[in-house]
């Protein structure tokens, strides 16, 4: 899904769930989609689903719209109800249009079917062109998702507005960004009716780092507090970048995106420096601050670390490409041009027309050739791949679909995706590195103390709609014995 103007002015979001494709996505206990459906009682969200049969209890509990055909079968009346109102909408039904589109449009594989076109057109007819309400079609149908820009072009090219077709994780991510932009930090528990649990802005961002960085218990931990402080600011920065990502393209988002991206890159490299200082202090290595870092090459800390903890030394070398990649950007941000220069945009050739991929982007022509070559060298050593339904990699490198991403002068990178992936990598690196330094898992080894409670971490893990929370985080929290109180 490219960056689009969804959030500005939005006062509510209405989700249409494609029942036929979502059952499998709900099989995982803590999948993003399942977490999203826990927010049925949130006052700014409305959920309804297609009338197809649904095996999942989570889907069956959601109101399905109904369809009545007119006698001439050229009109349909679609009806659904919310808590206090019942709505109906009369829409056209011309099967010949769908048959023509199937034959004449050069669809991507897997090609859309007649029923896919009926669903998308139904959604198109139901969209309310009101600035304060956003409509999202949530589906896991690969035919629809792989053709979502073509479908948008076919059904909306002569109308105002756009179709918003999203996967379950994309919809959950948007919902979380929307809620936090409204300063809403509430969790809903569907047990004997919905109950809610409210926290505030400070407690959310204070608690969230503990979900990702769990190995914090041990001696000589005076650097752990600053480490978590940096993660707190970093995770807030991800939300701010996400809000800009869904606020459209232009000068109104460019400056804010640049600010948060540059700040977060500095935080990421600062986290690596904090880990280095912590290592120096732990092993009493006589080095000044300016020469203490986890970068490979001739940097002296790692030479000493090899003598004290070979596993930790080896782990740094296995992950040095990410650290070095971030430092290429950081050095340009701090000392040179500031690296983020808005790219010229990107166009896809689909069907017989050019369809713009509208997204905030960094143009790597900002980097000098020698720096860009370093970036390319480190990037090509990192595991990256083009996303399933978008012409962009998980690291945000915009590329032609089904082609290997390449780094050259005019390569463009989406800052929001890049930052999410970089944060995920550095969080996983930090937690494992601290474990190798001998730190215990706080959630397993300590009883609750202070303001950070295990049940708060568990609620965020199980119900939080934050981009980096995945099912394995929730599963790992579930396996923790909350009754353990030993140090």
Protein backbone atom coordinates (compact mmCIF):
# COMPACT_ATOMS: atom_id res chain seq x y z
CA UNK A 1 0.00 0.00 0.00
CA UNK A 2 1.51 3.31 -1.05
CA UNK A 3 1.44 6.44 1.07
CA UNK A 4 -1.94 8.12 0.76
CA UNK A 5 -3.96 10.87 2.35
CA UNK A 6 -6.11 8.86 4.75
CA UNK A 7 -5.66 10.38 8.20
CA UNK A 8 -6.03 14.16 7.79
CA UNK A 9 -9.52 15.13 8.90
CA UNK A 10 -10.60 11.52 9.54
CA UNK A 11 -12.95 11.16 12.50
CA UNK A 12 -13.90 7.51 11.98
CA UNK A 13 -12.79 4.42 10.08
CA UNK A 14 -15.16 1.81 8.67
CA UNK A 15 -13.71 -1.63 7.92
CA UNK A 16 -15.36 -3.97 5.42
CA UNK A 17 -14.06 -7.50 6.07
CA UNK A 18 -13.83 -9.99 3.21
CA UNK A 19 -15.11 -13.02 5.13
CA UNK A 20 -14.13 -15.62 2.54
CA UNK A 21 -10.42 -14.76 2.67
CA UNK A 22 -9.92 -13.86 6.32
CA UNK A 23 -10.64 -17.13 8.15
CA UNK A 24 -7.10 -18.42 7.69
CA UNK A 25 -5.59 -15.10 8.77
CA UNK A 26 -7.51 -15.43 12.06
CA UNK A 27 -6.13 -18.87 12.88
CA UNK A 28 -3.13 -17.41 14.75
CA UNK A 29 -4.17 -16.46 18.27
CA UNK A 30 -2.43 -13.08 18.29
CA UNK A 31 -2.36 -12.21 14.59
CA UNK A 32 -2.63 -8.48 13.75
CA UNK A 33 -6.11 -9.04 12.29
CA UNK A 34 -7.33 -10.85 15.41
CA UNK A 35 -5.95 -8.02 17.54
CA UNK A 36 -7.74 -5.48 15.34
CA UNK A 37 -11.10 -7.22 15.81
CA UNK A 38 -10.77 -6.77 19.57
CA UNK A 39 -11.43 -3.06 18.96
CA UNK A 40 -15.03 -3.49 17.85
CA UNK A 41 -16.19 -1.30 20.73
CA UNK A 42 -13.86 1.59 19.94
CA UNK A 43 -16.15 4.52 19.19
CA UNK A 44 -14.34 5.67 16.04
CA UNK A 45 -14.31 2.24 14.37
CA UNK A 46 -17.11 0.37 12.63
CA UNK A 47 -16.82 -3.20 11.34
CA UNK A 48 -19.07 -5.13 8.99
CA UNK A 49 -18.38 -8.10 6.77
CA UNK A 50 -19.42 -9.75 3.55
CA UNK A 51 -22.28 -12.27 3.83
CA UNK A 52 -20.09 -15.24 2.88
CA UNK A 53 -19.98 -18.01 5.45
CA UNK A 54 -17.20 -17.57 7.99
CA UNK A 55 -15.82 -20.35 10.16
CA UNK A 56 -14.03 -18.04 12.58
CA UNK A 57 -16.00 -17.08 15.66
CA UNK A 58 -14.30 -13.68 15.59
CA UNK A 59 -15.86 -13.03 12.16
CA UNK A 60 -19.27 -14.53 12.94
CA UNK A 61 -19.64 -12.06 15.80
CA UNK A 62 -19.47 -9.17 13.32
CA UNK A 63 -22.55 -7.91 11.49
CA UNK A 64 -22.73 -9.00 7.85
CA UNK A 65 -24.37 -6.80 5.26
CA UNK A 66 -27.34 -8.21 3.36
CA UNK A 67 -28.10 -8.00 -0.34
CA UNK A 68 -31.54 -7.88 -1.98
CA UNK A 69 -31.82 -8.03 -5.76
CA UNK A 70 -34.34 -5.93 -7.65
CA UNK A 71 -36.86 -7.73 -9.85
CA UNK A 72 -34.97 -6.74 -12.99
CA UNK A 73 -31.69 -7.87 -11.37
CA UNK A 74 -29.96 -4.66 -12.46
CA UNK A 75 -30.02 -3.07 -9.02
CA UNK A 76 -29.07 -4.36 -5.61
CA UNK A 77 -29.97 -3.02 -2.21
CA UNK A 78 -27.22 -3.49 0.34
CA UNK A 79 -28.27 -3.26 3.99
CA UNK A 80 -26.31 -3.27 7.22
CA UNK A 81 -26.81 -1.97 10.70
CA UNK A 82 -24.71 -0.42 13.41
CA UNK A 83 -25.51 -0.30 17.11
CA UNK A 84 -28.16 2.40 16.76
CA UNK A 85 -28.98 2.67 13.05
CA UNK A 86 -29.84 0.57 10.04
CA UNK A 87 -28.51 1.67 6.68
CA UNK A 88 -29.32 0.73 3.11
CA UNK A 89 -27.82 1.68 -0.22
CA UNK A 90 -29.16 0.95 -3.71
CA UNK A 91 -26.34 0.20 -6.14
CA UNK A 92 -26.17 -0.82 -9.78
CA UNK A 93 -25.44 -4.37 -10.82
CA UNK A 94 -24.29 -4.86 -14.41
CA UNK A 95 -22.60 -8.28 -14.79
CA UNK A 96 -21.54 -7.46 -18.34
CA UNK A 97 -19.10 -4.87 -16.97
CA UNK A 98 -17.29 -7.51 -14.92
CA UNK A 99 -17.18 -9.93 -17.84
CA UNK A 100 -15.72 -7.22 -20.06
CA UNK A 101 -13.07 -6.28 -17.49
CA UNK A 102 -11.99 -9.89 -17.03
CA UNK A 103 -11.38 -10.24 -20.74
CA UNK A 104 -9.95 -6.81 -21.64
CA UNK A 105 -7.79 -5.83 -18.68
CA UNK A 106 -4.24 -7.18 -18.49
CA UNK A 107 -4.48 -8.36 -14.87
CA UNK A 108 -1.48 -9.42 -12.81
CA UNK A 109 -1.26 -13.06 -11.75
CA UNK A 110 -3.26 -14.44 -10.07
CA UNK A 111 -5.95 -12.79 -12.18
CA UNK A 112 -9.12 -11.46 -10.58
CA UNK A 113 -12.34 -13.44 -10.87
CA UNK A 114 -15.92 -12.37 -11.47
CA UNK A 115 -16.65 -12.54 -7.72
CA UNK A 116 -13.56 -10.45 -6.94
CA UNK A 117 -14.84 -7.69 -9.22
CA UNK A 118 -18.31 -7.86 -7.66
CA UNK A 119 -16.80 -7.44 -4.17
CA UNK A 120 -14.58 -4.52 -5.15
CA UNK A 121 -17.38 -2.78 -7.04
CA UNK A 122 -19.71 -3.28 -4.08
CA UNK A 123 -17.11 -1.67 -1.84
CA UNK A 124 -16.71 1.13 -4.37
CA UNK A 125 -20.46 1.81 -4.28
CA UNK A 126 -20.56 1.78 -0.50
CA UNK A 127 -17.78 4.31 -0.05
CA UNK A 128 -19.04 7.51 1.52
CA UNK A 129 -17.31 10.53 0.02
CA UNK A 130 -17.12 12.29 3.35
CA UNK A 131 -13.85 13.79 4.52
CA UNK A 132 -14.37 12.67 8.10
CA UNK A 133 -14.97 8.98 7.36
CA UNK A 134 -12.47 6.52 5.88
CA UNK A 135 -13.49 3.18 4.35
CA UNK A 136 -11.06 0.23 4.25
CA UNK A 137 -11.59 -3.07 2.44
CA UNK A 138 -9.69 -5.72 4.44
CA UNK A 139 -8.86 -8.88 2.53
CA UNK A 140 -6.26 -11.62 2.20
CA UNK A 141 -7.39 -12.52 -1.33
CA UNK A 142 -4.14 -12.62 -3.39
CA UNK A 143 -5.96 -11.83 -6.64
CA UNK A 144 -7.41 -8.63 -5.25
CA UNK A 145 -4.24 -7.61 -3.42
CA UNK A 146 -1.93 -8.27 -6.34
CA UNK A 147 -4.18 -6.13 -8.55
CA UNK A 148 -5.24 -3.48 -6.05
CA UNK A 149 -3.78 -0.54 -7.98
CA UNK A 150 -5.31 -1.79 -11.23
CA UNK A 151 -8.67 -2.30 -9.51
CA UNK A 152 -8.49 1.21 -8.12
CA UNK A 153 -7.74 2.53 -11.58
CA UNK A 154 -10.59 0.58 -13.17
CA UNK A 155 -13.24 1.53 -10.62
CA UNK A 156 -12.18 5.01 -9.50
CA UNK A 157 -10.48 6.73 -12.42
CA UNK A 158 -13.52 8.92 -13.22
CA UNK A 159 -14.48 9.53 -9.60
CA UNK A 160 -13.07 11.49 -6.70
CA UNK A 161 -11.25 9.56 -4.01
CA UNK A 162 -9.46 6.23 -3.95
CA UNK A 163 -10.09 2.65 -2.91
CA UNK A 164 -8.22 1.60 0.20
CA UNK A 165 -7.61 -2.15 -0.08
CA UNK A 166 -5.46 -3.53 2.73
CA UNK A 167 -4.27 -6.78 4.25
CA UNK A 168 -5.15 -7.54 7.87
CA UNK A 169 -1.72 -6.39 9.20
CA UNK A 170 -1.89 -3.17 7.15
CA UNK A 171 -5.37 -2.37 8.48
CA UNK A 172 -4.29 -3.10 12.07
CA UNK A 173 -1.24 -0.87 11.65
CA UNK A 174 -3.34 1.99 10.30
CA UNK A 175 -5.88 1.57 13.12
CA UNK A 176 -3.13 1.78 15.75
CA UNK A 177 -1.59 4.88 14.20
CA UNK A 178 -5.03 6.49 14.04
CA UNK A 179 -5.79 5.75 17.71
CA UNK A 180 -2.45 7.02 18.99
CA UNK A 181 -2.76 10.16 16.85
CA UNK A 182 -5.95 10.81 18.87
CA UNK A 183 -4.11 10.10 22.16
CA UNK A 184 -6.22 6.96 22.68
CA UNK A 185 -4.42 4.11 24.47
CA UNK A 186 -7.19 1.68 25.31
CA UNK A 187 -7.48 -2.11 25.17
CA UNK A 188 -10.73 -4.06 24.76
CA UNK A 189 -11.32 -7.51 26.20
CA UNK A 190 -14.22 -9.51 24.70
CA UNK A 191 -15.35 -11.46 27.76
CA UNK A 192 -19.01 -11.39 28.86
CA UNK A 193 -19.41 -8.19 26.91
CA UNK A 194 -16.55 -5.85 26.17
CA UNK A 195 -14.50 -4.40 28.99
CA UNK A 196 -11.78 -1.83 28.50
CA UNK A 197 -8.45 -0.97 30.07
CA UNK A 198 -7.00 2.51 29.60
CA UNK A 199 -3.42 3.71 29.87
CA UNK A 200 -1.93 7.03 28.84
CA UNK A 201 0.65 8.31 26.38
CA UNK A 202 3.52 8.17 28.85
CA UNK A 203 2.85 4.65 30.10
CA UNK A 204 2.43 3.29 26.55
CA UNK A 205 5.78 4.53 25.26
CA UNK A 206 7.47 3.82 28.59
CA UNK A 207 6.27 0.20 28.60
CA UNK A 208 6.57 -0.65 24.90
CA UNK A 209 10.41 -1.02 24.80
CA UNK A 210 10.23 -3.75 27.46
CA UNK A 211 8.32 -5.92 25.00
CA UNK A 212 11.29 -5.92 22.62
CA UNK A 213 14.23 -5.57 25.01
CA UNK A 214 13.65 -8.18 27.73
CA UNK A 215 17.23 -9.10 28.77
CA UNK A 216 17.92 -6.23 31.13
CA UNK A 217 18.67 -7.87 34.49
CA UNK A 218 22.30 -8.10 35.59
CA UNK A 219 25.22 -6.36 37.22
CA UNK A 220 26.71 -3.17 35.83
CA UNK A 221 23.41 -2.15 34.28
CA UNK A 222 23.78 1.62 34.55
CA UNK A 223 23.58 1.92 30.74
CA UNK A 224 20.31 -0.02 30.46
CA UNK A 225 18.16 2.99 31.41
CA UNK A 226 19.57 5.24 28.64
CA UNK A 227 19.26 2.34 26.21
CA UNK A 228 15.54 1.95 26.94
CA UNK A 229 15.09 5.74 26.83
CA UNK A 230 16.43 5.76 23.28
CA UNK A 231 14.11 2.93 22.28
CA UNK A 232 11.19 4.84 23.82
CA UNK A 233 11.96 7.87 21.63
CA UNK A 234 12.57 5.63 18.63
CA UNK A 235 9.21 3.84 18.91
CA UNK A 236 7.46 7.20 19.25
CA UNK A 237 9.29 8.32 16.11
CA UNK A 238 7.96 5.29 14.21
CA UNK A 239 4.42 6.35 15.07
CA UNK A 240 5.12 9.90 13.93
CA UNK A 241 6.55 8.68 10.63
CA UNK A 242 3.56 6.36 10.21
CA UNK A 243 1.18 9.28 10.73
CA UNK A 244 2.99 11.21 7.99
CA UNK A 245 2.97 8.13 5.74
CA UNK A 246 -0.84 8.11 5.83
CA UNK A 247 -1.13 11.88 5.47
CA UNK A 248 -0.29 12.11 1.79
CA UNK A 249 2.61 13.42 -0.28
CA UNK A 250 3.82 17.00 -0.41
CA UNK A 251 5.50 19.78 1.50
CA UNK A 252 3.07 19.33 4.40
CA UNK A 253 4.56 15.92 5.18
CA UNK A 254 8.06 16.23 3.70
CA UNK A 255 9.58 18.37 6.47
CA UNK A 256 8.01 16.30 9.26
CA UNK A 257 9.15 13.06 7.63
CA UNK A 258 12.67 14.40 7.24
CA UNK A 259 12.77 15.51 10.87
CA UNK A 260 11.59 12.21 12.36
CA UNK A 261 13.64 10.03 10.01
CA UNK A 262 16.89 11.91 10.68
CA UNK A 263 16.26 11.85 14.43
CA UNK A 264 15.47 8.13 14.45
CA UNK A 265 18.60 7.22 12.46
CA UNK A 266 20.63 9.10 15.07
CA UNK A 267 18.81 7.19 17.83
CA UNK A 268 19.49 3.83 16.16
CA UNK A 269 23.24 4.47 15.95
CA UNK A 270 23.10 5.92 19.46
CA UNK A 271 21.65 2.62 20.70
CA UNK A 272 24.64 0.80 19.21
CA UNK A 273 26.98 3.29 20.93
CA UNK A 274 25.18 2.76 24.26
CA UNK A 275 25.67 -1.00 23.94
CA UNK A 276 29.35 -0.38 23.22
CA UNK A 277 29.77 1.83 26.30
CA UNK A 278 27.95 -0.78 28.38
CA UNK A 279 30.36 -3.44 27.07
CA UNK A 280 33.37 -1.28 27.90
CA UNK A 281 32.14 -0.67 31.44
CA UNK A 282 31.24 -4.33 32.02
CA UNK A 283 34.73 -5.58 31.11
CA UNK A 284 36.65 -2.52 32.40
CA UNK A 285 38.20 -1.85 29.00
CA UNK A 286 40.31 1.34 29.13
CA UNK A 287 38.92 3.30 26.18
CA UNK A 288 37.67 6.90 25.88
CA UNK A 289 34.04 7.43 24.80
CA UNK A 290 34.98 8.66 21.32
CA UNK A 291 36.77 5.40 20.52
CA UNK A 292 34.07 3.12 21.97
CA UNK A 293 31.70 1.63 19.40
CA UNK A 294 30.57 -1.71 17.97
CA UNK A 295 31.79 -1.06 14.44
CA UNK A 296 34.07 -3.61 12.83
CA UNK A 297 37.44 -2.97 11.23
CA UNK A 298 40.21 -1.45 13.31
CA UNK A 299 37.98 -0.23 16.13
CA UNK A 300 39.61 -1.31 19.41
CA UNK A 301 36.55 -2.32 21.48
CA UNK A 302 35.84 -5.46 19.45
CA UNK A 303 39.46 -6.58 19.70
CA UNK A 304 39.08 -6.51 23.48
CA UNK A 305 35.61 -8.07 23.39
CA UNK A 306 36.98 -11.10 21.56
CA UNK A 307 39.15 -11.84 24.59
CA UNK A 308 36.32 -11.39 27.11
CA UNK A 309 33.27 -12.84 25.30
CA UNK A 310 33.86 -14.57 21.99
CA UNK A 311 30.18 -15.37 21.40
CA UNK A 312 29.23 -11.69 21.74
CA UNK A 313 32.14 -10.73 19.48
CA UNK A 314 31.02 -13.24 16.85
CA UNK A 315 27.42 -12.01 17.08
CA UNK A 316 28.48 -8.41 16.37
CA UNK A 317 30.40 -9.55 13.29
CA UNK A 318 27.37 -11.50 12.06
CA UNK A 319 25.28 -8.31 12.23
CA UNK A 320 27.83 -5.64 11.34
CA UNK A 321 26.25 -4.87 7.94
CA UNK A 322 23.15 -3.36 9.56
CA UNK A 323 25.25 -1.32 12.00
CA UNK A 324 27.48 -0.03 9.20
CA UNK A 325 24.53 0.71 6.89
CA UNK A 326 22.95 2.92 9.54
CA UNK A 327 26.24 4.70 10.19
CA UNK A 328 26.56 5.61 6.50
CA UNK A 329 23.24 7.43 6.80
CA UNK A 330 23.98 8.83 10.24
CA UNK A 331 27.29 10.37 9.18
CA UNK A 332 25.66 12.09 6.23
CA UNK A 333 22.81 13.35 8.42
CA UNK A 334 25.12 14.74 11.10
CA UNK A 335 28.08 15.93 9.05
CA UNK A 336 27.01 16.32 5.42
CA UNK A 337 23.85 17.03 3.45
CA UNK A 338 21.30 15.41 5.73
CA UNK A 339 20.72 12.41 3.39
CA UNK A 340 16.95 12.71 3.13
CA UNK A 341 16.06 14.44 -0.08
CA UNK A 342 12.59 13.83 -1.39
CA UNK A 343 12.63 11.54 -4.37
CA UNK A 344 10.88 12.43 -7.64
CA UNK A 345 8.26 9.69 -7.26
CA UNK A 346 7.81 6.36 -8.94
CA UNK A 347 5.56 5.12 -11.72
CA UNK A 348 4.38 1.60 -12.49
CA UNK A 349 3.46 0.39 -15.93
CA UNK A 350 0.28 -1.62 -15.40
CA UNK A 351 -2.41 -2.18 -17.99
CA UNK A 352 -2.18 0.39 -20.82
CA UNK A 353 -1.63 3.35 -18.55
CA UNK A 354 1.00 4.56 -16.12
CA UNK A 355 -0.14 4.29 -12.52
CA UNK A 356 1.82 6.40 -10.06
CA UNK A 357 3.24 4.81 -6.93
CA UNK A 358 2.70 7.75 -4.60
CA UNK A 359 5.03 7.57 -1.68
CA UNK A 360 7.38 9.62 0.43
CA UNK A 361 10.88 8.62 -0.55
CA UNK A 362 14.58 9.28 0.01
CA UNK A 363 16.63 9.74 -3.13
CA UNK A 364 20.10 8.25 -2.75
CA UNK A 365 21.58 10.77 -5.18
CA UNK A 366 22.04 12.85 -2.03
CA UNK A 367 24.89 10.54 -1.02
CA UNK A 368 28.25 11.05 -2.64
CA UNK A 369 29.38 8.19 -4.86
CA UNK A 370 31.82 6.77 -2.29
CA UNK A 371 29.16 6.77 0.45
CA UNK A 372 26.58 5.32 -1.89
CA UNK A 373 29.01 2.52 -2.76
CA UNK A 374 29.42 1.76 0.96
CA UNK A 375 25.65 1.76 1.37
CA UNK A 376 25.30 -0.63 -1.58
CA UNK A 377 27.98 -2.98 -0.22
CA UNK A 378 26.37 -3.29 3.20
CA UNK A 379 22.81 -3.42 1.85
CA UNK A 380 23.58 -6.28 -0.53
CA UNK A 381 24.80 -8.34 2.43
CA UNK A 382 21.45 -7.92 4.21
CA UNK A 383 18.55 -10.31 3.64
CA UNK A 384 15.91 -8.28 1.81
CA UNK A 385 13.15 -9.10 -0.63
CA UNK A 386 10.41 -7.42 -2.63
CA UNK A 387 7.11 -7.38 -0.76
CA UNK A 388 4.32 -9.68 -1.85
CA UNK A 389 1.91 -7.07 -3.21
CA UNK A 390 4.00 -3.89 -3.53
CA UNK A 391 6.98 -2.81 -5.66
CA UNK A 392 9.07 -2.15 -2.58
CA UNK A 393 11.22 -4.28 -0.27
CA UNK A 394 10.81 -4.75 3.48
CA UNK A 395 13.73 -2.29 3.85
CA UNK A 396 11.75 0.22 1.77
CA UNK A 397 13.83 0.03 -1.43
CA UNK A 398 11.45 0.87 -4.27
CA UNK A 399 11.98 -1.51 -7.16
CA UNK A 400 10.23 -3.05 -10.11
CA UNK A 401 8.12 -6.02 -9.12
CA UNK A 402 9.78 -9.43 -9.48
CA UNK A 403 13.21 -7.80 -9.86
CA UNK A 404 16.11 -7.83 -7.45
CA UNK A 405 16.41 -4.50 -5.62
CA UNK A 406 19.41 -2.48 -6.69
CA UNK A 407 21.29 0.43 -5.18
CA UNK A 408 22.40 3.08 -7.65
CA UNK A 409 22.38 6.87 -7.91
CA UNK A 410 18.65 7.32 -8.36
CA UNK A 411 17.42 4.55 -6.04
CA UNK A 412 14.51 5.68 -3.87
CA UNK A 413 13.74 4.38 -0.39
CA UNK A 414 10.57 4.76 1.67
CA UNK A 415 11.72 6.18 5.03
CA UNK A 416 8.82 4.68 7.02
CA UNK A 417 9.43 1.11 5.86
CA UNK A 418 13.20 1.52 6.17
CA UNK A 419 12.90 2.74 9.74
CA UNK A 420 10.49 -0.02 10.79
CA UNK A 421 12.83 -2.72 9.48
CA UNK A 422 15.96 -1.07 10.89
CA UNK A 423 14.32 -0.77 14.32
CA UNK A 424 13.20 -4.41 14.21
CA UNK A 425 16.76 -5.51 13.38
CA UNK A 426 18.41 -3.34 16.05
CA UNK A 427 15.87 -4.36 18.71
CA UNK A 428 16.46 -8.06 18.03
CA UNK A 429 20.22 -7.47 17.94
CA UNK A 430 20.20 -5.53 21.21
CA UNK A 431 18.13 -8.08 23.11
CA UNK A 432 20.27 -11.02 21.99
CA UNK A 433 23.53 -9.10 22.55
CA UNK A 434 22.51 -8.30 26.13
CA UNK A 435 21.68 -11.97 26.65
CA UNK A 436 25.15 -12.92 25.43
CA UNK A 437 26.62 -10.41 27.89
CA UNK A 438 24.92 -12.37 30.68
CA UNK A 439 21.72 -10.40 31.26
CA UNK A 440 18.66 -12.32 32.37
CA UNK A 441 15.15 -11.94 30.97
CA UNK A 442 13.44 -9.49 33.31
CA UNK A 443 9.97 -10.84 32.58
CA UNK A 444 11.06 -14.34 33.61
CA UNK A 445 13.38 -13.57 36.49
CA UNK A 446 11.87 -10.60 38.33
CA UNK A 447 8.61 -9.87 40.06
CA UNK A 448 6.69 -6.74 39.15
CA UNK A 449 8.27 -3.60 40.47
CA UNK A 450 7.98 0.09 39.77
CA UNK A 451 5.70 1.53 37.10
CA UNK A 452 6.36 -1.14 34.46
CA UNK A 453 4.07 -4.09 35.16
CA UNK A 454 4.08 -7.44 33.43
CA UNK A 455 0.35 -7.27 32.81
CA UNK A 456 0.84 -3.96 30.97
CA UNK A 457 3.48 -5.56 28.75
CA UNK A 458 1.19 -8.55 28.20
CA UNK A 459 -1.75 -6.32 27.19
CA UNK A 460 0.40 -4.46 24.67
CA UNK A 461 1.73 -7.77 23.34
CA UNK A 462 -1.71 -9.38 22.98
CA UNK A 463 -3.82 -6.40 21.94
CA UNK A 464 -1.53 -3.54 20.92
CA UNK A 465 -1.76 -2.39 17.30
CA UNK A 466 1.89 -1.32 16.98
CA UNK A 467 3.67 -2.09 13.66
CA UNK A 468 6.52 -4.17 15.13
CA UNK A 469 4.39 -6.45 17.32
CA UNK A 470 4.21 -9.88 15.75
CA UNK A 471 2.58 -13.09 16.93
CA UNK A 472 5.87 -14.51 18.25
CA UNK A 473 6.20 -11.60 20.68
CA UNK A 474 2.80 -12.42 22.14
CA UNK A 475 3.60 -16.12 22.26
CA UNK A 476 6.86 -15.47 24.13
CA UNK A 477 5.05 -13.31 26.68
CA UNK A 478 2.38 -15.98 27.13
CA UNK A 479 5.08 -18.55 27.98
CA UNK A 480 6.45 -16.46 30.81
CA UNK A 481 5.63 -17.76 34.28
CA UNK A 482 4.14 -14.68 35.92
CA UNK A 483 4.40 -16.30 39.33
CA UNK A 484 8.23 -16.35 39.17
CA UNK A 485 9.71 -13.92 41.66
CA UNK A 486 13.33 -15.00 42.00
CA UNK A 487 16.16 -12.65 40.92
